[in-house]
């Protein structure tokens, strides 16, 4: 969800590796940090905005979400 008005980011778009919120056009990079907030007058505000993220792995066309830190799951075998 977008931290601004809790809009579903799944209703937005992914453009050049950036997730764009459909509601007010806030944009977030792959690590969840805001990269653009059109109405923000100060870059310092943009630098403070971040999404809640969880590490993921794509394997055999599926996306696996790691519910704990990535370092704990590095050696975890994925299903065949």
C-alpha atoms as a PDB file:
ATOM      1  CA  UNK A   1       0.000   0.000   0.000  1.00  0.00           C
ATOM      2  CA  UNK A   2       1.100   3.520  -0.709  1.00  0.00           C
ATOM      3  CA  UNK A   3       2.120   5.291   2.508  1.00  0.00           C
ATOM      4  CA  UNK A   4       0.346   8.478   1.431  1.00  0.00           C
ATOM      5  CA  UNK A   5      -3.340   7.465   1.269  1.00  0.00           C
ATOM      6  CA  UNK A   6      -3.017   3.681   1.547  1.00  0.00           C
ATOM      7  CA  UNK A   7      -3.944   3.156  -2.094  1.00  0.00           C
ATOM      8  CA  UNK A   8      -3.298  -0.337  -3.452  1.00  0.00           C
ATOM      9  CA  UNK A   9      -0.057  -0.215  -5.419  1.00  0.00           C
ATOM     10  CA  UNK A  10      -1.292  -3.223  -7.405  1.00  0.00           C
ATOM     11  CA  UNK A  11      -3.684  -0.800  -9.129  1.00  0.00           C
ATOM     12  CA  UNK A  12      -0.749   1.367 -10.230  1.00  0.00           C
ATOM     13  CA  UNK A  13       1.914   0.567 -12.795  1.00  0.00           C
ATOM     14  CA  UNK A  14       5.537  -0.539 -13.040  1.00  0.00           C
ATOM     15  CA  UNK A  15       7.498   1.628 -15.451  1.00  0.00           C
ATOM     16  CA  UNK A  16      11.257   1.224 -15.962  1.00  0.00           C
ATOM     17  CA  UNK A  17      11.598  -0.629 -12.639  1.00  0.00           C
ATOM     18  CA  UNK A  18       9.674   2.013 -10.695  1.00  0.00           C
ATOM     19  CA  UNK A  19       6.294   1.362  -9.040  1.00  0.00           C
ATOM     20  CA  UNK A  20       3.906   4.268  -9.613  1.00  0.00           C
ATOM     21  CA  UNK A  21       0.892   4.791  -7.355  1.00  0.00           C
ATOM     22  CA  UNK A  22      -2.204   5.475  -9.409  1.00  0.00           C
ATOM     23  CA  UNK A  23      -3.747   7.778  -6.815  1.00  0.00           C
ATOM     24  CA  UNK A  24      -1.265  10.697  -6.576  1.00  0.00           C
ATOM     25  CA  UNK A  25       1.586   9.437  -8.780  1.00  0.00           C
ATOM     26  CA  UNK A  26       4.067   8.775  -5.957  1.00  0.00           C
ATOM     27  CA  UNK A  27       6.890   6.589  -7.322  1.00  0.00           C
ATOM     28  CA  UNK A  28       9.022   3.991  -5.543  1.00  0.00           C
ATOM     29  CA  UNK A  29      12.216   2.190  -6.538  1.00  0.00           C
ATOM     30  CA  UNK A  30      12.958  -1.522  -6.201  1.00  0.00           C
ATOM     31  CA  UNK A  31      14.132  -1.173  -2.578  1.00  0.00           C
ATOM     32  CA  UNK A  32      10.917   0.624  -1.569  1.00  0.00           C
ATOM     33  CA  UNK A  33      12.355   4.132  -1.290  1.00  0.00           C
ATOM     34  CA  UNK A  34      10.411   7.013  -2.837  1.00  0.00           C
ATOM     35  CA  UNK A  35      12.078   8.316  -5.986  1.00  0.00           C
ATOM     36  CA  UNK A  36       9.468  10.915  -6.950  1.00  0.00           C
ATOM     37  CA  UNK A  37       6.618  12.695  -5.207  1.00  0.00           C
ATOM     38  CA  UNK A  38       5.240  15.268  -7.676  1.00  0.00           C
ATOM     39  CA  UNK A  39       3.759  17.645  -5.069  1.00  0.00           C
ATOM     40  CA  UNK A  40       6.785  17.552  -2.735  1.00  0.00           C
ATOM     41  CA  UNK A  41       8.563  20.872  -2.653  1.00  0.00           C
ATOM     42  CA  UNK A  42      11.611  19.537  -0.790  1.00  0.00           C
ATOM     43  CA  UNK A  43      13.792  16.557  -1.741  1.00  0.00           C
ATOM     44  CA  UNK A  44      14.393  15.904   1.970  1.00  0.00           C
ATOM     45  CA  UNK A  45      10.773  14.807   2.332  1.00  0.00           C
ATOM     46  CA  UNK A  46      11.066  12.382  -0.596  1.00  0.00           C
ATOM     47  CA  UNK A  47      14.194  10.860   0.969  1.00  0.00           C
ATOM     48  CA  UNK A  48      12.265  10.002   4.155  1.00  0.00           C
ATOM     49  CA  UNK A  49       9.394   8.098   2.499  1.00  0.00           C
ATOM     50  CA  UNK A  50       9.713   4.332   2.186  1.00  0.00           C
ATOM     51  CA  UNK A  51       7.451   1.329   1.653  1.00  0.00           C
ATOM     52  CA  UNK A  52       7.369  -1.712   3.911  1.00  0.00           C
ATOM     53  CA  UNK A  53       9.211  -4.363   1.906  1.00  0.00           C
ATOM     54  CA  UNK A  54       9.986  -8.053   2.260  1.00  0.00           C
ATOM     55  CA  UNK A  55      12.703  -9.959   0.389  1.00  0.00           C
ATOM     56  CA  UNK A  56      11.454 -12.016  -2.563  1.00  0.00           C
ATOM     57  CA  UNK A  57      12.901 -14.582  -4.934  1.00  0.00           C
ATOM     58  CA  UNK A  58      11.604 -15.532  -8.369  1.00  0.00           C
ATOM     59  CA  UNK A  59      11.998 -19.226  -9.111  1.00  0.00           C
ATOM     60  CA  UNK A  60      10.348 -21.329 -11.847  1.00  0.00           C
ATOM     61  CA  UNK A  61       7.929 -18.522 -12.692  1.00  0.00           C
ATOM     62  CA  UNK A  62       6.729 -18.105  -9.098  1.00  0.00           C
ATOM     63  CA  UNK A  63       7.547 -15.420  -6.548  1.00  0.00           C
ATOM     64  CA  UNK A  64       8.514 -16.573  -3.059  1.00  0.00           C
ATOM     65  CA  UNK A  65       8.225 -14.037  -0.246  1.00  0.00           C
ATOM     66  CA  UNK A  66      10.651 -14.488   2.645  1.00  0.00           C
ATOM     67  CA  UNK A  67       8.899 -13.550   5.857  1.00  0.00           C
ATOM     68  CA  UNK A  68      12.162 -13.230   7.793  1.00  0.00           C
ATOM     69  CA  UNK A  69      15.409 -11.462   6.934  1.00  0.00           C
ATOM     70  CA  UNK A  70      17.134 -12.495   3.721  1.00  0.00           C
ATOM     71  CA  UNK A  71      20.305 -13.586   5.515  1.00  0.00           C
ATOM     72  CA  UNK A  72      18.344 -16.271   7.374  1.00  0.00           C
ATOM     73  CA  UNK A  73      16.943 -17.683   4.110  1.00  0.00           C
ATOM     74  CA  UNK A  74      20.009 -17.607   1.862  1.00  0.00           C
ATOM     75  CA  UNK A  75      20.688 -21.317   2.179  1.00  0.00           C
ATOM     76  CA  UNK A  76      17.032 -22.324   2.142  1.00  0.00           C
ATOM     77  CA  UNK A  77      16.300 -24.722  -0.721  1.00  0.00           C
ATOM     78  CA  UNK A  78      13.443 -23.785  -3.027  1.00  0.00           C
ATOM     79  CA  UNK A  79      11.066 -26.540  -4.186  1.00  0.00           C
ATOM     80  CA  UNK A  80      11.710 -28.248  -7.508  1.00  0.00           C
END
